[in-house]
């Protein structure tokens, strides 16, 4: 079965074929850590995770890299995001989102970046984003690759693809790369007026072309700065991903690059140009795959409308009025096709909670009936064949789920086989951790199990008061209790 993906570079569906047979080099644009990641960010990130898990279902060995932008996300005409982050950190401390003592100096950009990096990783792990468990090996920080950025800039200058302007700023020359614009559909003629509105008028006279983009800017007063051959300053935003992808995945090009559609221009367009020119390669990434925007209750997400939510806002109930289990938010964010705008709604979350609970109940019942033992299955199994075929059609997750949900409701005469099938399905959906998320992540899980034993023992003695007391302790700890016919007490993490 061939995996078909929509390639933004060619604007058509293509059969996926990796550079190295059986192996995939995948790069995803990650967060800029100047605040908590919002649900729109995670819609894009989890799409990349779904792609990775699908590739693994199809027996590919995937090397996935995602960057952390902690330099400042600077592009011309915009303020330094890490400078803004200092004010945002004070606001978050005032509102209680950042607890007192969590950061020593709220004006230190490195401390701010580290705090929000760890917050992002914590949220991402709750959402079972696989690469978050591979930090720091496959989740590089831009500030650790400044030397590599300077070396790439020097190569671009030596090869006449970049130049130092009269004000000392190093620019990439878009005219030196005839294919500039192939991803976004922009042409140099269209960009003659100023690179999509991102280039300020004061810089025009210093450039050879208005669309030339910054690689390095000398600035002694910038909040984050480094020594360089062109003066003390900081790198442009676009150069960061080219360097990290090249150093961790190989300079000869990568298989797939993912990100939100808002990154197509200028970020991804610029990545292609500088990577190909610096490395002398025909391509940077063979497949470019982009997720579309997330709406909230039918409107664009914005702070002014009061519908701008971080993942933490959803977990804690700030967004909806009641707490939402991470498994439910994950399901909600991945259940729609990535090339369609997603509408995030409270009703959708409620529906997702019902589906996820049904999945967890199904898994719990099979685990109980089989003792965790599974039969051998492969993708020729009827359910897995349909599930895989849907995903092979450009990650059609809606079609895949339309096969899984009715299957869960059916009778399952061979629970060992069904459990094996479910685990294969869940390896893509990521609803529960295969290593038992509750036991691994909750330090009181052993105590909860002990209360379950106390409840079972009290029931056997018909000590209903003691049984009720043990049950209440379990519920207060955030777990649910189910009683089965043989007298066993089944405990599972609550989605409430």
Foldseek 3Di string as FASTA:
>chain_A
DWFWAQFLLVRGIDTADFPDPQEFEEEEEADAQLDFAFLQRVLQLLVSLLVVLLSVLVRHHYQYAYEYELQFQDWAPDDRSLQVSLVVVVVCCVVVVQDPPQFDDSRQSVRSSVSSVVNRLVLCVLLVRPCSVVPPLRYYYLVVCQVLLQVLLVLCVVLVQWDQFPQLWIWGNVVVPCCQCSSPVDHLVNCQVAQVPRHDPVCVVRDPGRNTTTAWDADPPDSDWDQHPSHITGGHDQSSSLRSSCVNPHLQAGAEYEEAPVCSPPRVSVSFVSSCSSSVYPTHYPGYHHFYGEAEQPHRDDVVVVQTGHSVCQQPCVNPNHHFRSLLSSCLSLQAQRHDYHYHYPVSSVVSLVQLVLLVVLLLVLCVVPVPAADDDGCVPVLSVQLSVCCSHNHNNNSNVVSVSVVSVDDDPDSRHVNVVSVSVCSSSVSADPVGCCVVPPPCVVVLVVLQVQLLVCVVVPVVVSNVVSQVVNVVVQWHWDADDVSHIDIDGHRD
